[in-house]
Amino acid sequence: LGGDLIGGFRTLARQRRLAIDEIEATVDATLDNPLTHLGVVGEEGHPGLERVAIRVHVATLEPEDAVREVWDEAMRRSPLMRTLGGAVRIEVAMTVTV
């Protein structure tokens, strides 16, 4: 998911001639009940994802609103965001620094 979003973001930024010095995404996920994955008898729930948290850091001299606009479009176009977004809670936080 992180690679899909970053790749889409870089492509859109290039198309809009935004110079991005650095981008990094950290993706963290929480399972509904990891014990069900391990086969622990008597556990409730399922082994699927409950939540995905994505933290993105972008370093650029470009205006922050332009960077966020491109990021929002990258998320809208992402096949994985579209697929996972309907099945699991996704939290996204972005910081833009100079």
Protein backbone atom coordinates (compact mmCIF):
# COMPACT_ATOMS: atom_id res chain seq x y z
CA LEU A 1 0.00 0.00 0.00
CA GLY A 2 2.80 2.42 0.87
CA GLY A 3 4.64 1.66 -2.39
CA ASP A 4 1.46 2.01 -4.43
CA LEU A 5 0.69 5.41 -2.92
CA ILE A 6 4.24 6.74 -3.21
CA GLY A 7 4.55 5.55 -6.81
CA GLY A 8 1.27 7.18 -7.76
CA PHE A 9 2.22 10.37 -5.93
CA ARG A 10 5.60 10.61 -7.68
CA THR A 11 4.00 10.09 -11.09
CA LEU A 12 1.37 12.78 -10.52
CA ALA A 13 3.93 15.20 -9.04
CA ARG A 14 6.14 14.78 -12.13
CA GLN A 15 3.15 15.36 -14.42
CA ARG A 16 2.36 18.60 -12.56
CA ARG A 17 6.03 19.60 -12.46
CA LEU A 18 6.21 19.59 -8.66
CA ALA A 19 9.75 19.04 -7.41
CA ILE A 20 9.70 16.52 -4.57
CA ASP A 21 13.00 16.17 -2.75
CA GLU A 22 12.01 13.24 -0.55
CA ILE A 23 8.97 11.16 0.28
CA GLU A 24 8.63 8.43 2.85
CA ALA A 25 5.63 6.38 3.94
CA THR A 26 5.33 4.23 7.04
CA VAL A 27 2.46 1.76 7.08
CA ASP A 28 1.31 0.10 10.29
CA ALA A 29 -1.53 -2.40 10.52
CA THR A 30 -3.51 -3.95 13.36
CA LEU A 31 -5.22 -7.33 13.11
CA ASP A 32 -8.72 -7.85 14.48
CA ASN A 33 -7.50 -10.79 16.58
CA PRO A 34 -4.00 -12.15 15.91
CA LEU A 35 -4.72 -15.20 18.08
CA THR A 36 -7.23 -16.49 15.52
CA HIS A 37 -4.42 -16.49 12.95
CA LEU A 38 -2.37 -18.63 15.32
CA GLY A 39 -5.24 -21.08 15.72
CA VAL A 40 -5.85 -20.50 19.43
CA VAL A 41 -9.01 -22.41 20.32
CA GLY A 42 -11.93 -20.39 21.68
CA GLU A 43 -10.80 -17.02 20.33
CA GLU A 44 -13.43 -14.71 18.83
CA GLY A 45 -12.98 -12.45 15.83
CA HIS A 46 -10.98 -12.98 12.67
CA PRO A 47 -7.37 -12.74 11.53
CA GLY A 48 -8.08 -9.92 9.07
CA LEU A 49 -6.95 -6.32 9.24
CA GLU A 50 -8.83 -4.04 11.59
CA ARG A 51 -6.95 -0.80 10.94
CA VAL A 52 -4.19 0.53 8.69
CA ALA A 53 -2.29 3.70 9.62
CA ILE A 54 -0.20 5.48 7.00
CA ARG A 55 2.21 8.25 7.94
CA VAL A 56 3.71 10.18 5.03
CA HIS A 57 6.53 12.70 5.11
CA VAL A 58 7.25 14.88 2.08
CA ALA A 59 10.21 17.24 1.79
CA THR A 60 9.80 19.88 -0.91
CA LEU A 61 9.97 23.59 -1.63
CA GLU A 62 6.60 23.44 -3.37
CA PRO A 63 3.46 24.97 -1.76
CA GLU A 64 1.91 22.62 0.77
CA ASP A 65 -1.59 22.94 -0.67
CA ALA A 66 -0.34 21.81 -4.10
CA VAL A 67 1.45 18.82 -2.53
CA ARG A 68 -1.65 17.81 -0.56
CA GLU A 69 -3.81 18.13 -3.67
CA VAL A 70 -1.54 15.71 -5.54
CA TRP A 71 -1.49 13.34 -2.54
CA ASP A 72 -5.29 13.33 -2.36
CA GLU A 73 -5.49 12.49 -6.06
CA ALA A 74 -2.92 9.70 -5.66
CA MET A 75 -5.07 8.19 -2.89
CA ARG A 76 -8.22 8.45 -5.05
CA ARG A 77 -6.46 6.71 -7.97
CA SER A 78 -4.81 3.96 -5.92
CA PRO A 79 -6.26 0.50 -6.63
CA LEU A 80 -5.13 -0.73 -3.21
CA MET A 81 -6.64 2.24 -1.33
CA ARG A 82 -9.90 1.68 -3.18
CA THR A 83 -9.92 -2.03 -2.38
CA LEU A 84 -8.77 -1.85 1.23
CA GLY A 85 -10.74 1.30 2.02
CA GLY A 86 -13.99 -0.59 1.64
CA ALA A 87 -12.88 -3.34 3.99
CA VAL A 88 -10.79 -1.74 6.73
CA ARG A 89 -10.41 1.59 8.56
CA ILE A 90 -7.51 3.55 7.02
CA GLU A 91 -5.97 6.53 8.80
CA VAL A 92 -3.64 8.83 6.86
CA ALA A 93 -1.40 11.54 8.30
CA MET A 94 0.91 13.68 6.17
CA THR A 95 3.62 16.18 7.02
CA VAL A 96 5.19 18.49 4.46
CA THR A 97 8.50 20.14 5.30
CA VAL A 98 10.92 22.40 3.50
